[in-house]
Full PDB file with SEQRES, HELIX, SHEET, SSBOND, CRYST1, ORIGX, SCALE, CONECT and MASTER records, all heavy atoms in Angstrom:
SEQRES   1 A   42  LYS ASP GLU GLY ALA GLY ASP GLN GLY ILE MET PHE GLY          
SEQRES   2 A   42  TYR ALA CYS LYS GLU THR ASP GLU LEU MET PRO ALA PRO          
SEQRES   3 A   42  ILE TYR PHE SER HIS LYS ILE LEU ARG LEU MET ALA GLU          
SEQRES   4 A   42  ASP ARG LYS                                                  
HELIX    1 AA1 ALA A   25  ARG A   41  1                                  17    
CRYST1    1.000    1.000    1.000  90.00  90.00  90.00 P 1           1          
ORIGX1      1.000000  0.000000  0.000000        0.00000                         
ORIGX2      0.000000  1.000000  0.000000        0.00000                         
ORIGX3      0.000000  0.000000  1.000000        0.00000                         
SCALE1      1.000000  0.000000  0.000000        0.00000                         
SCALE2      0.000000  1.000000  0.000000        0.00000                         
SCALE3      0.000000  0.000000  1.000000        0.00000                         
ATOM      1  N   LYS A   1      19.022   5.972 -40.546  1.00  0.00           N  
ATOM      2  CA  LYS A   1      18.813   5.907 -39.104  1.00  0.00           C  
ATOM      3  C   LYS A   1      17.702   4.915 -38.785  1.00  0.00           C  
ATOM      4  O   LYS A   1      16.600   5.020 -39.308  1.00  0.00           O  
ATOM      5  CB  LYS A   1      18.425   7.284 -38.578  1.00  0.00           C  
ATOM      6  CG  LYS A   1      18.058   7.320 -37.091  1.00  0.00           C  
ATOM      7  CD  LYS A   1      17.589   8.733 -36.711  1.00  0.00           C  
ATOM      8  CE  LYS A   1      17.008   8.771 -35.316  1.00  0.00           C  
ATOM      9  NZ  LYS A   1      15.762   8.016 -35.163  1.00  0.00           N  
ATOM     10  N   ASP A   2      18.015   3.900 -37.932  1.00  0.00           N  
ATOM     11  CA  ASP A   2      16.987   2.954 -37.506  1.00  0.00           C  
ATOM     12  C   ASP A   2      16.055   3.632 -36.495  1.00  0.00           C  
ATOM     13  O   ASP A   2      16.407   4.631 -35.910  1.00  0.00           O  
ATOM     14  CB  ASP A   2      17.631   1.726 -36.893  1.00  0.00           C  
ATOM     15  CG  ASP A   2      16.659   0.557 -36.770  1.00  0.00           C  
ATOM     16  OD1 ASP A   2      15.531   0.657 -37.306  1.00  0.00           O  
ATOM     17  OD2 ASP A   2      17.013  -0.451 -36.138  1.00  0.00           O  
ATOM     18  N   GLU A   3      14.920   3.067 -36.347  1.00  0.00           N  
ATOM     19  CA  GLU A   3      13.915   3.589 -35.427  1.00  0.00           C  
ATOM     20  C   GLU A   3      14.487   3.565 -33.992  1.00  0.00           C  
ATOM     21  O   GLU A   3      15.013   2.553 -33.521  1.00  0.00           O  
ATOM     22  CB  GLU A   3      12.718   2.635 -35.515  1.00  0.00           C  
ATOM     23  CG  GLU A   3      11.530   2.992 -34.746  1.00  0.00           C  
ATOM     24  CD  GLU A   3      10.449   1.954 -35.023  1.00  0.00           C  
ATOM     25  OE1 GLU A   3      10.000   1.838 -36.164  1.00  0.00           O  
ATOM     26  OE2 GLU A   3      10.127   1.220 -34.104  1.00  0.00           O  
ATOM     27  N   GLY A   4      14.348   4.675 -33.280  1.00  0.00           N  
ATOM     28  CA  GLY A   4      14.904   4.804 -31.949  1.00  0.00           C  
ATOM     29  C   GLY A   4      13.918   4.448 -30.858  1.00  0.00           C  
ATOM     30  O   GLY A   4      12.713   4.309 -31.116  1.00  0.00           O  
ATOM     31  N   ALA A   5      14.434   4.308 -29.653  1.00  0.00           N  
ATOM     32  CA  ALA A   5      13.547   4.087 -28.485  1.00  0.00           C  
ATOM     33  C   ALA A   5      12.689   5.324 -28.252  1.00  0.00           C  
ATOM     34  O   ALA A   5      13.113   6.461 -28.497  1.00  0.00           O  
ATOM     35  CB  ALA A   5      14.398   3.795 -27.256  1.00  0.00           C  
ATOM     36  N   GLY A   6      11.476   5.098 -27.755  1.00  0.00           N  
ATOM     37  CA  GLY A   6      10.553   6.197 -27.510  1.00  0.00           C  
ATOM     38  C   GLY A   6      10.877   7.030 -26.298  1.00  0.00           C  
ATOM     39  O   GLY A   6      10.364   8.106 -26.110  1.00  0.00           O  
ATOM     40  N   ASP A   7      11.802   6.547 -25.464  1.00  0.00           N  
ATOM     41  CA  ASP A   7      12.244   7.273 -24.291  1.00  0.00           C  
ATOM     42  C   ASP A   7      13.478   6.600 -23.731  1.00  0.00           C  
ATOM     43  O   ASP A   7      13.797   5.466 -24.079  1.00  0.00           O  
ATOM     44  CB  ASP A   7      11.125   7.290 -23.211  1.00  0.00           C  
ATOM     45  CG  ASP A   7      11.296   8.428 -22.202  1.00  0.00           C  
ATOM     46  OD1 ASP A   7      12.339   9.144 -22.260  1.00  0.00           O  
ATOM     47  OD2 ASP A   7      10.410   8.589 -21.369  1.00  0.00           O  
ATOM     48  N   GLN A   8      14.183   7.307 -22.860  1.00  0.00           N  
ATOM     49  CA  GLN A   8      15.276   6.667 -22.145  1.00  0.00           C  
ATOM     50  C   GLN A   8      14.670   5.804 -21.044  1.00  0.00           C  
ATOM     51  O   GLN A   8      13.505   5.938 -20.704  1.00  0.00           O  
ATOM     52  CB  GLN A   8      16.187   7.675 -21.518  1.00  0.00           C  
ATOM     53  CG  GLN A   8      15.588   8.465 -20.364  1.00  0.00           C  
ATOM     54  CD  GLN A   8      16.557   9.449 -19.737  1.00  0.00           C  
ATOM     55  OE1 GLN A   8      17.236  10.169 -20.447  1.00  0.00           O  
ATOM     56  NE2 GLN A   8      16.639   9.457 -18.432  1.00  0.00           N  
ATOM     57  N   GLY A   9      15.504   4.941 -20.440  1.00  0.00           N  
ATOM     58  CA  GLY A   9      14.990   4.195 -19.300  1.00  0.00           C  
ATOM     59  C   GLY A   9      15.677   2.862 -19.124  1.00  0.00           C  
ATOM     60  O   GLY A   9      16.489   2.405 -19.936  1.00  0.00           O  
ATOM     61  N   ILE A  10      15.362   2.221 -17.994  1.00  0.00           N  
ATOM     62  CA  ILE A  10      15.889   0.899 -17.672  1.00  0.00           C  
ATOM     63  C   ILE A  10      14.705  -0.055 -17.486  1.00  0.00           C  
ATOM     64  O   ILE A  10      13.666   0.321 -16.952  1.00  0.00           O  
ATOM     65  CB  ILE A  10      16.772   0.915 -16.421  1.00  0.00           C  
ATOM     66  CG1 ILE A  10      16.023   1.514 -15.213  1.00  0.00           C  
ATOM     67  CG2 ILE A  10      18.043   1.723 -16.662  1.00  0.00           C  
ATOM     68  CD1 ILE A  10      16.791   1.432 -13.900  1.00  0.00           C  
ATOM     69  N   MET A  11      14.857  -1.257 -17.969  1.00  0.00           N  
ATOM     70  CA  MET A  11      13.802  -2.275 -17.891  1.00  0.00           C  
ATOM     71  C   MET A  11      14.385  -3.590 -17.386  1.00  0.00           C  
ATOM     72  O   MET A  11      15.527  -3.926 -17.717  1.00  0.00           O  
ATOM     73  CB  MET A  11      13.191  -2.521 -19.266  1.00  0.00           C  
ATOM     74  CG  MET A  11      12.531  -1.293 -19.891  1.00  0.00           C  
ATOM     75  SD  MET A  11      13.755  -0.297 -20.748  1.00  0.00           S  
ATOM     76  CE  MET A  11      12.965   1.307 -20.585  1.00  0.00           C  
ATOM     77  N   PHE A  12      13.610  -4.291 -16.577  1.00  0.00           N  
ATOM     78  CA  PHE A  12      14.074  -5.553 -16.001  1.00  0.00           C  
ATOM     79  C   PHE A  12      13.154  -6.695 -16.411  1.00  0.00           C  
ATOM     80  O   PHE A  12      11.945  -6.542 -16.569  1.00  0.00           O  
ATOM     81  CB  PHE A  12      14.050  -5.463 -14.469  1.00  0.00           C  
ATOM     82  CG  PHE A  12      15.111  -4.566 -13.897  1.00  0.00           C  
ATOM     83  CD1 PHE A  12      14.837  -3.223 -13.634  1.00  0.00           C  
ATOM     84  CD2 PHE A  12      16.376  -5.043 -13.626  1.00  0.00           C  
ATOM     85  CE1 PHE A  12      15.809  -2.405 -13.072  1.00  0.00           C  
ATOM     86  CE2 PHE A  12      17.358  -4.230 -13.088  1.00  0.00           C  
ATOM     87  CZ  PHE A  12      17.072  -2.879 -12.815  1.00  0.00           C  
ATOM     88  N   GLY A  13      13.771  -7.868 -16.567  1.00  0.00           N  
ATOM     89  CA  GLY A  13      13.026  -9.109 -16.728  1.00  0.00           C  
ATOM     90  C   GLY A  13      13.568 -10.127 -15.753  1.00  0.00           C  
ATOM     91  O   GLY A  13      14.749 -10.142 -15.410  1.00  0.00           O  
ATOM     92  N   TYR A  14      12.675 -11.026 -15.302  1.00  0.00           N  
ATOM     93  CA  TYR A  14      13.068 -11.994 -14.252  1.00  0.00           C  
ATOM     94  C   TYR A  14      12.363 -13.304 -14.484  1.00  0.00           C  
ATOM     95  O   TYR A  14      11.227 -13.349 -14.996  1.00  0.00           O  
ATOM     96  CB  TYR A  14      12.704 -11.410 -12.880  1.00  0.00           C  
ATOM     97  CG  TYR A  14      13.078 -12.264 -11.703  1.00  0.00           C  
ATOM     98  CD1 TYR A  14      14.427 -12.486 -11.356  1.00  0.00           C  
ATOM     99  CD2 TYR A  14      12.111 -12.878 -10.939  1.00  0.00           C  
ATOM    100  CE1 TYR A  14      14.785 -13.265 -10.265  1.00  0.00           C  
ATOM    101  CE2 TYR A  14      12.449 -13.680  -9.826  1.00  0.00           C  
ATOM    102  CZ  TYR A  14      13.787 -13.856  -9.510  1.00  0.00           C  
ATOM    103  OH  TYR A  14      14.150 -14.636  -8.439  1.00  0.00           O  
ATOM    104  N   ALA A  15      12.996 -14.382 -14.080  1.00  0.00           N  
ATOM    105  CA  ALA A  15      12.356 -15.713 -14.068  1.00  0.00           C  
ATOM    106  C   ALA A  15      13.049 -16.546 -12.988  1.00  0.00           C  
ATOM    107  O   ALA A  15      14.229 -16.341 -12.683  1.00  0.00           O  
ATOM    108  CB  ALA A  15      12.511 -16.390 -15.436  1.00  0.00           C  
ATOM    109  N   CYS A  16      12.304 -17.469 -12.420  1.00  0.00           N  
ATOM    110  CA  CYS A  16      12.849 -18.347 -11.383  1.00  0.00           C  
ATOM    111  C   CYS A  16      12.026 -19.631 -11.393  1.00  0.00           C  
ATOM    112  O   CYS A  16      10.940 -19.705 -11.952  1.00  0.00           O  
ATOM    113  CB  CYS A  16      12.800 -17.678 -10.014  1.00  0.00           C  
ATOM    114  SG  CYS A  16      11.139 -17.319  -9.428  1.00  0.00           S  
ATOM    115  N   LYS A  17      12.549 -20.646 -10.721  1.00  0.00           N  
ATOM    116  CA  LYS A  17      11.920 -21.952 -10.752  1.00  0.00           C  
ATOM    117  C   LYS A  17      10.964 -22.218  -9.575  1.00  0.00           C  
ATOM    118  O   LYS A  17      10.683 -23.373  -9.231  1.00  0.00           O  
ATOM    119  CB  LYS A  17      12.990 -23.063 -10.808  1.00  0.00           C  
ATOM    120  CG  LYS A  17      13.693 -23.134 -12.150  1.00  0.00           C  
ATOM    121  CD  LYS A  17      14.550 -24.383 -12.239  1.00  0.00           C  
ATOM    122  CE  LYS A  17      15.103 -24.517 -13.677  1.00  0.00           C  
ATOM    123  NZ  LYS A  17      16.027 -25.660 -13.779  1.00  0.00           N  
ATOM    124  N   GLU A  18      10.414 -21.173  -9.008  1.00  0.00           N  
ATOM    125  CA  GLU A  18       9.504 -21.343  -7.869  1.00  0.00           C  
ATOM    126  C   GLU A  18       8.147 -21.919  -8.270  1.00  0.00           C  
ATOM    127  O   GLU A  18       7.470 -22.527  -7.459  1.00  0.00           O  
ATOM    128  CB  GLU A  18       9.321 -20.012  -7.133  1.00  0.00           C  
ATOM    129  CG  GLU A  18      10.582 -19.534  -6.428  1.00  0.00           C  
ATOM    130  CD  GLU A  18      10.379 -18.221  -5.706  1.00  0.00           C  
ATOM    131  OE1 GLU A  18       9.209 -17.822  -5.438  1.00  0.00           O  
ATOM    132  OE2 GLU A  18      11.391 -17.577  -5.380  1.00  0.00           O  
ATOM    133  N   THR A  19       7.736 -21.679  -9.517  1.00  0.00           N  
ATOM    134  CA  THR A  19       6.463 -22.203 -10.035  1.00  0.00           C  
ATOM    135  C   THR A  19       6.701 -22.749 -11.435  1.00  0.00           C  
ATOM    136  O   THR A  19       7.705 -22.432 -12.088  1.00  0.00           O  
ATOM    137  CB  THR A  19       5.378 -21.115 -10.101  1.00  0.00           C  
ATOM    138  OG1 THR A  19       5.834 -20.056 -10.993  1.00  0.00           O  
ATOM    139  CG2 THR A  19       5.097 -20.502  -8.741  1.00  0.00           C  
ATOM    140  N   ASP A  20       5.743 -23.537 -11.935  1.00  0.00           N  
ATOM    141  CA  ASP A  20       5.870 -24.076 -13.310  1.00  0.00           C  
ATOM    142  C   ASP A  20       5.924 -22.958 -14.334  1.00  0.00           C  
ATOM    143  O   ASP A  20       6.515 -23.142 -15.406  1.00  0.00           O  
ATOM    144  CB  ASP A  20       4.654 -24.976 -13.612  1.00  0.00           C  
ATOM    145  CG  ASP A  20       4.682 -26.272 -12.799  1.00  0.00           C  
ATOM    146  OD1 ASP A  20       5.759 -26.606 -12.261  1.00  0.00           O  
ATOM    147  OD2 ASP A  20       3.624 -26.936 -12.698  1.00  0.00           O  
ATOM    148  N   GLU A  21       5.323 -21.822 -14.031  1.00  0.00           N  
ATOM    149  CA  GLU A  21       5.299 -20.684 -14.964  1.00  0.00           C  
ATOM    150  C   GLU A  21       6.581 -19.851 -14.839  1.00  0.00           C  
ATOM    151  O   GLU A  21       6.708 -18.818 -15.491  1.00  0.00           O  
ATOM    152  CB  GLU A  21       4.084 -19.803 -14.686  1.00  0.00           C  
ATOM    153  CG  GLU A  21       2.744 -20.447 -15.062  1.00  0.00           C  
ATOM    154  CD  GLU A  21       2.316 -21.560 -14.090  1.00  0.00           C  
ATOM    155  OE1 GLU A  21       2.897 -21.647 -12.967  1.00  0.00           O  
ATOM    156  OE2 GLU A  21       1.433 -22.334 -14.463  1.00  0.00           O  
ATOM    157  N   LEU A  22       7.522 -20.310 -14.023  1.00  0.00           N  
ATOM    158  CA  LEU A  22       8.809 -19.644 -13.793  1.00  0.00           C  
ATOM    159  C   LEU A  22       8.619 -18.221 -13.263  1.00  0.00           C  
ATOM    160  O   LEU A  22       9.286 -17.297 -13.655  1.00  0.00           O  
ATOM    161  CB  LEU A  22       9.662 -19.677 -15.074  1.00  0.00           C  
ATOM    162  CG  LEU A  22       9.907 -21.054 -15.661  1.00  0.00           C  
ATOM    163  CD1 LEU A  22      10.832 -20.979 -16.871  1.00  0.00           C  
ATOM    164  CD2 LEU A  22      10.481 -22.038 -14.617  1.00  0.00           C  
ATOM    165  N   MET A  23       7.673 -18.119 -12.345  1.00  0.00           N  
ATOM    166  CA  MET A  23       7.379 -16.857 -11.639  1.00  0.00           C  
ATOM    167  C   MET A  23       7.617 -17.029 -10.141  1.00  0.00           C  
ATOM    168  O   MET A  23       7.494 -18.137  -9.600  1.00  0.00           O  
ATOM    169  CB  MET A  23       5.906 -16.482 -11.864  1.00  0.00           C  
ATOM    170  CG  MET A  23       5.612 -15.901 -13.230  1.00  0.00           C  
ATOM    171  SD  MET A  23       6.311 -14.258 -13.489  1.00  0.00           S  
ATOM    172  CE  MET A  23       5.231 -13.244 -12.431  1.00  0.00           C  
ATOM    173  N   PRO A  24       7.900 -15.914  -9.435  1.00  0.00           N  
ATOM    174  CA  PRO A  24       7.971 -15.982  -7.968  1.00  0.00           C  
ATOM    175  C   PRO A  24       6.596 -16.439  -7.430  1.00  0.00           C  
ATOM    176  O   PRO A  24       5.551 -16.027  -7.887  1.00  0.00           O  
ATOM    177  CB  PRO A  24       8.243 -14.528  -7.576  1.00  0.00           C  
ATOM    178  CG  PRO A  24       8.840 -13.903  -8.790  1.00  0.00           C  
ATOM    179  CD  PRO A  24       8.204 -14.574  -9.968  1.00  0.00           C  
ATOM    180  N   ALA A  25       6.627 -17.326  -6.432  1.00  0.00           N  
ATOM    181  CA  ALA A  25       5.406 -17.966  -5.934  1.00  0.00           C  
ATOM    182  C   ALA A  25       4.425 -16.985  -5.297  1.00  0.00           C  
ATOM    183  O   ALA A  25       3.214 -17.048  -5.576  1.00  0.00           O  
ATOM    184  CB  ALA A  25       5.760 -19.071  -4.964  1.00  0.00           C  
ATOM    185  N   PRO A  26       4.847 -16.027  -4.443  1.00  0.00           N  
ATOM    186  CA  PRO A  26       3.858 -15.170  -3.768  1.00  0.00           C  
ATOM    187  C   PRO A  26       2.985 -14.362  -4.744  1.00  0.00           C  
ATOM    188  O   PRO A  26       1.765 -14.273  -4.555  1.00  0.00           O  
ATOM    189  CB  PRO A  26       4.678 -14.271  -2.868  1.00  0.00           C  
ATOM    190  CG  PRO A  26       5.914 -15.090  -2.590  1.00  0.00           C  
ATOM    191  CD  PRO A  26       6.208 -15.805  -3.876  1.00  0.00           C  
ATOM    192  N   ILE A  27       3.593 -13.762  -5.762  1.00  0.00           N  
ATOM    193  CA  ILE A  27       2.802 -12.961  -6.705  1.00  0.00           C  
ATOM    194  C   ILE A  27       1.951 -13.878  -7.583  1.00  0.00           C  
ATOM    195  O   ILE A  27       0.764 -13.544  -7.898  1.00  0.00           O  
ATOM    196  CB  ILE A  27       3.708 -12.033  -7.594  1.00  0.00           C  
ATOM    197  CG1 ILE A  27       2.862 -11.085  -8.451  1.00  0.00           C  
ATOM    198  CG2 ILE A  27       4.659 -12.822  -8.474  1.00  0.00           C  
ATOM    199  CD1 ILE A  27       2.066 -10.076  -7.674  1.00  0.00           C  
ATOM    200  N   TYR A  28       2.473 -15.014  -7.963  1.00  0.00           N  
ATOM    201  CA  TYR A  28       1.721 -15.941  -8.818  1.00  0.00           C  
ATOM    202  C   TYR A  28       0.422 -16.382  -8.111  1.00  0.00           C  
ATOM    203  O   TYR A  28      -0.665 -16.370  -8.714  1.00  0.00           O  
ATOM    204  CB  TYR A  28       2.548 -17.143  -9.229  1.00  0.00           C  
ATOM    205  CG  TYR A  28       1.814 -18.102 -10.098  1.00  0.00           C  
ATOM    206  CD1 TYR A  28       1.580 -17.793 -11.444  1.00  0.00           C  
ATOM    207  CD2 TYR A  28       1.280 -19.272  -9.571  1.00  0.00           C  
ATOM    208  CE1 TYR A  28       0.849 -18.660 -12.261  1.00  0.00           C  
ATOM    209  CE2 TYR A  28       0.554 -20.132 -10.388  1.00  0.00           C  
ATOM    210  CZ  TYR A  28       0.336 -19.814 -11.728  1.00  0.00           C  
ATOM    211  OH  TYR A  28      -0.392 -20.673 -12.515  1.00  0.00           O  
ATOM    212  N   PHE A  29       0.525 -16.782  -6.853  1.00  0.00           N  
ATOM    213  CA  PHE A  29      -0.647 -17.250  -6.128  1.00  0.00           C  
ATOM    214  C   PHE A  29      -1.585 -16.090  -5.770  1.00  0.00           C  
ATOM    215  O   PHE A  29      -2.816 -16.270  -5.761  1.00  0.00           O  
ATOM    216  CB  PHE A  29      -0.252 -18.020  -4.870  1.00  0.00           C  
ATOM    217  CG  PHE A  29       0.506 -19.288  -5.179  1.00  0.00           C  
ATOM    218  CD1 PHE A  29       1.697 -19.590  -4.538  1.00  0.00           C  
ATOM    219  CD2 PHE A  29       0.058 -20.169  -6.139  1.00  0.00           C  
ATOM    220  CE1 PHE A  29       2.392 -20.754  -4.813  1.00  0.00           C  
ATOM    221  CE2 PHE A  29       0.742 -21.344  -6.458  1.00  0.00           C  
ATOM    222  CZ  PHE A  29       1.925 -21.645  -5.782  1.00  0.00           C  
ATOM    223  N   SER A  30      -1.043 -14.921  -5.510  1.00  0.00           N  
ATOM    224  CA  SER A  30      -1.889 -13.735  -5.247  1.00  0.00           C  
ATOM    225  C   SER A  30      -2.770 -13.455  -6.456  1.00  0.00           C  
ATOM    226  O   SER A  30      -3.960 -13.189  -6.350  1.00  0.00           O  
ATOM    227  CB  SER A  30      -1.025 -12.516  -4.937  1.00  0.00           C  
ATOM    228  OG  SER A  30      -0.356 -12.687  -3.718  1.00  0.00           O  
ATOM    229  N   HIS A  31      -2.152 -13.479  -7.672  1.00  0.00           N  
ATOM    230  CA  HIS A  31      -2.916 -13.277  -8.909  1.00  0.00           C  
ATOM    231  C   HIS A  31      -3.995 -14.354  -9.088  1.00  0.00           C  
ATOM    232  O   HIS A  31      -5.136 -14.073  -9.451  1.00  0.00           O  
ATOM    233  CB  HIS A  31      -1.997 -13.347 -10.124  1.00  0.00           C  
ATOM    234  CG  HIS A  31      -1.140 -12.144 -10.320  1.00  0.00           C  
ATOM    235  ND1 HIS A  31      -1.552 -10.863 -10.099  1.00  0.00           N  
ATOM    236  CD2 HIS A  31       0.123 -12.056 -10.799  1.00  0.00           C  
ATOM    237  CE1 HIS A  31      -0.579 -10.029 -10.412  1.00  0.00           C  
ATOM    238  NE2 HIS A  31       0.442 -10.727 -10.835  1.00  0.00           N  
ATOM    239  N   LYS A  32      -3.587 -15.615  -8.870  1.00  0.00           N  
ATOM    240  CA  LYS A  32      -4.502 -16.712  -9.167  1.00  0.00           C  
ATOM    241  C   LYS A  32      -5.777 -16.665  -8.326  1.00  0.00           C  
ATOM    242  O   LYS A  32      -6.876 -16.920  -8.831  1.00  0.00           O  
ATOM    243  CB  LYS A  32      -3.768 -18.061  -8.990  1.00  0.00           C  
ATOM    244  CG  LYS A  32      -4.552 -19.227  -9.547  1.00  0.00           C  
ATOM    245  CD  LYS A  32      -3.713 -20.496  -9.541  1.00  0.00           C  
ATOM    246  CE  LYS A  32      -4.494 -21.654 -10.165  1.00  0.00           C  
ATOM    247  NZ  LYS A  32      -3.715 -22.922 -10.132  1.00  0.00           N  
ATOM    248  N   ILE A  33      -5.643 -16.335  -7.050  1.00  0.00           N  
ATOM    249  CA  ILE A  33      -6.821 -16.225  -6.188  1.00  0.00           C  
ATOM    250  C   ILE A  33      -7.844 -15.262  -6.779  1.00  0.00           C  
ATOM    251  O   ILE A  33      -9.023 -15.576  -6.923  1.00  0.00           O  
ATOM    252  CB  ILE A  33      -6.405 -15.776  -4.766  1.00  0.00           C  
ATOM    253  CG1 ILE A  33      -5.630 -16.881  -4.057  1.00  0.00           C  
ATOM    254  CG2 ILE A  33      -7.661 -15.376  -3.946  1.00  0.00           C  
ATOM    255  CD1 ILE A  33      -4.940 -16.413  -2.789  1.00  0.00           C  
ATOM    256  N   LEU A  34      -7.365 -14.073  -7.152  1.00  0.00           N  
ATOM    257  CA  LEU A  34      -8.291 -13.019  -7.639  1.00  0.00           C  
ATOM    258  C   LEU A  34      -8.824 -13.354  -9.045  1.00  0.00           C  
ATOM    259  O   LEU A  34      -9.967 -13.058  -9.374  1.00  0.00           O  
ATOM    260  CB  LEU A  34      -7.575 -11.674  -7.648  1.00  0.00           C  
ATOM    261  CG  LEU A  34      -7.130 -11.146  -6.284  1.00  0.00           C  
ATOM    262  CD1 LEU A  34      -6.538  -9.761  -6.439  1.00  0.00           C  
ATOM    263  CD2 LEU A  34      -8.288 -11.132  -5.285  1.00  0.00           C  
ATOM    264  N   ARG A  35      -7.979 -13.964  -9.858  1.00  0.00           N  
ATOM    265  CA  ARG A  35      -8.410 -14.305 -11.228  1.00  0.00           C  
ATOM    266  C   ARG A  35      -9.538 -15.342 -11.184  1.00  0.00           C  
ATOM    267  O   ARG A  35     -10.533 -15.222 -11.888  1.00  0.00           O  
ATOM    268  CB  ARG A  35      -7.214 -14.804 -12.049  1.00  0.00           C  
ATOM    269  CG  ARG A  35      -7.572 -15.157 -13.463  1.00  0.00           C  
ATOM    270  CD  ARG A  35      -6.335 -15.434 -14.303  1.00  0.00           C  
ATOM    271  NE  ARG A  35      -5.426 -16.380 -13.698  1.00  0.00           N  
ATOM    272  CZ  ARG A  35      -5.596 -17.712 -13.737  1.00  0.00           C  
ATOM    273  NH1 ARG A  35      -6.645 -18.235 -14.301  1.00  0.00           N  
ATOM    274  NH2 ARG A  35      -4.716 -18.513 -13.144  1.00  0.00           N  
ATOM    275  N   LEU A  36      -9.395 -16.371 -10.341  1.00  0.00           N  
ATOM    276  CA  LEU A  36     -10.423 -17.393 -10.234  1.00  0.00           C  
ATOM    277  C   LEU A  36     -11.705 -16.812  -9.636  1.00  0.00           C  
ATOM    278  O   LEU A  36     -12.816 -17.146 -10.071  1.00  0.00           O  
ATOM    279  CB  LEU A  36      -9.931 -18.573  -9.403  1.00  0.00           C  
ATOM    280  CG  LEU A  36      -8.775 -19.387  -9.993  1.00  0.00           C  
ATOM    281  CD1 LEU A  36      -8.420 -20.547  -9.068  1.00  0.00           C  
ATOM    282  CD2 LEU A  36      -9.106 -19.899 -11.396  1.00  0.00           C  
ATOM    283  N   MET A  37     -11.564 -15.910  -8.645  1.00  0.00           N  
ATOM    284  CA  MET A  37     -12.747 -15.242  -8.112  1.00  0.00           C  
ATOM    285  C   MET A  37     -13.476 -14.471  -9.166  1.00  0.00           C  
ATOM    286  O   MET A  37     -14.716 -14.525  -9.283  1.00  0.00           O  
ATOM    287  CB  MET A  37     -12.339 -14.301  -6.954  1.00  0.00           C  
ATOM    288  CG  MET A  37     -12.011 -14.990  -5.652  1.00  0.00           C  
ATOM    289  SD  MET A  37     -11.346 -13.830  -4.395  1.00  0.00           S  
ATOM    290  CE  MET A  37     -12.646 -12.591  -4.319  1.00  0.00           C  
ATOM    291  N   ALA A  38     -12.713 -13.729  -9.974  1.00  0.00           N  
ATOM    292  CA  ALA A  38     -13.337 -12.879 -11.030  1.00  0.00           C  
ATOM    293  C   ALA A  38     -14.040 -13.742 -12.066  1.00  0.00           C  
ATOM    294  O   ALA A  38     -15.142 -13.401 -12.538  1.00  0.00           O  
ATOM    295  CB  ALA A  38     -12.273 -11.990 -11.688  1.00  0.00           C  
ATOM    296  N   GLU A  39     -13.408 -14.834 -12.462  1.00  0.00           N  
ATOM    297  CA  GLU A  39     -14.040 -15.722 -13.461  1.00  0.00           C  
ATOM    298  C   GLU A  39     -15.392 -16.244 -12.955  1.00  0.00           C  
ATOM    299  O   GLU A  39     -16.374 -16.236 -13.696  1.00  0.00           O  
ATOM    300  CB  GLU A  39     -13.096 -16.891 -13.791  1.00  0.00           C  
ATOM    301  CG  GLU A  39     -11.895 -16.491 -14.613  1.00  0.00           C  
ATOM    302  CD  GLU A  39     -10.872 -17.614 -14.739  1.00  0.00           C  
ATOM    303  OE1 GLU A  39     -11.139 -18.752 -14.238  1.00  0.00           O  
ATOM    304  OE2 GLU A  39      -9.812 -17.369 -15.378  1.00  0.00           O  
ATOM    305  N   ASP A  40     -15.428 -16.659 -11.683  1.00  0.00           N  
ATOM    306  CA  ASP A  40     -16.684 -17.181 -11.154  1.00  0.00           C  
ATOM    307  C   ASP A  40     -17.692 -16.075 -10.897  1.00  0.00           C  
ATOM    308  O   ASP A  40     -18.909 -16.284 -11.045  1.00  0.00           O  
ATOM    309  CB  ASP A  40     -16.410 -17.965  -9.851  1.00  0.00           C  
ATOM    310  CG  ASP A  40     -15.871 -19.363 -10.138  1.00  0.00           C  
ATOM    311  OD1 ASP A  40     -15.737 -19.723 -11.327  1.00  0.00           O  
ATOM    312  OD2 ASP A  40     -15.544 -20.080  -9.161  1.00  0.00           O  
ATOM    313  N   ARG A  41     -17.203 -14.902 -10.490  1.00  0.00           N  
ATOM    314  CA  ARG A  41     -18.145 -13.778 -10.281  1.00  0.00           C  
ATOM    315  C   ARG A  41     -18.823 -13.402 -11.605  1.00  0.00           C  
ATOM    316  O   ARG A  41     -20.047 -13.213 -11.666  1.00  0.00           O  
ATOM    317  CB  ARG A  41     -17.377 -12.563  -9.718  1.00  0.00           C  
ATOM    318  CG  ARG A  41     -18.197 -11.290  -9.628  1.00  0.00           C  
ATOM    319  CD  ARG A  41     -17.379 -10.139  -9.082  1.00  0.00           C  
ATOM    320  NE  ARG A  41     -16.239  -9.794  -9.877  1.00  0.00           N  
ATOM    321  CZ  ARG A  41     -16.285  -9.087 -11.012  1.00  0.00           C  
ATOM    322  NH1 ARG A  41     -17.424  -8.628 -11.481  1.00  0.00           N  
ATOM    323  NH2 ARG A  41     -15.179  -8.800 -11.670  1.00  0.00           N  
ATOM    324  N   LYS A  42     -18.045 -13.329 -12.663  1.00  0.00           N  
ATOM    325  CA  LYS A  42     -18.583 -12.889 -13.960  1.00  0.00           C  
ATOM    326  C   LYS A  42     -19.458 -13.964 -14.623  1.00  0.00           C  
ATOM    327  O   LYS A  42     -20.369 -13.647 -15.393  1.00  0.00           O  
ATOM    328  CB  LYS A  42     -17.439 -12.482 -14.872  1.00  0.00           C  
ATOM    329  CG  LYS A  42     -16.754 -11.212 -14.392  1.00  0.00           C  
ATOM    330  CD  LYS A  42     -15.397 -10.967 -15.000  1.00  0.00           C  
ATOM    331  CE  LYS A  42     -15.452 -10.271 -16.282  1.00  0.00           C  
ATOM    332  NZ  LYS A  42     -14.112  -9.843 -16.751  1.00  0.00           N  
TER     333      LYS A  42                                                      
MASTER        0    0    0    1    0    0    0    6  332    1    0    4          
END                                                                             
């Protein structure tokens, strides 16, 4: 018997050409604002 999944469930993956990182633009830019703020704060 091969190793089984740790639980049942459904998982999704997504990519699109809205950004160079192949991510949806609104979430990508939302992250970037806060990440750059945190880097400079720290």
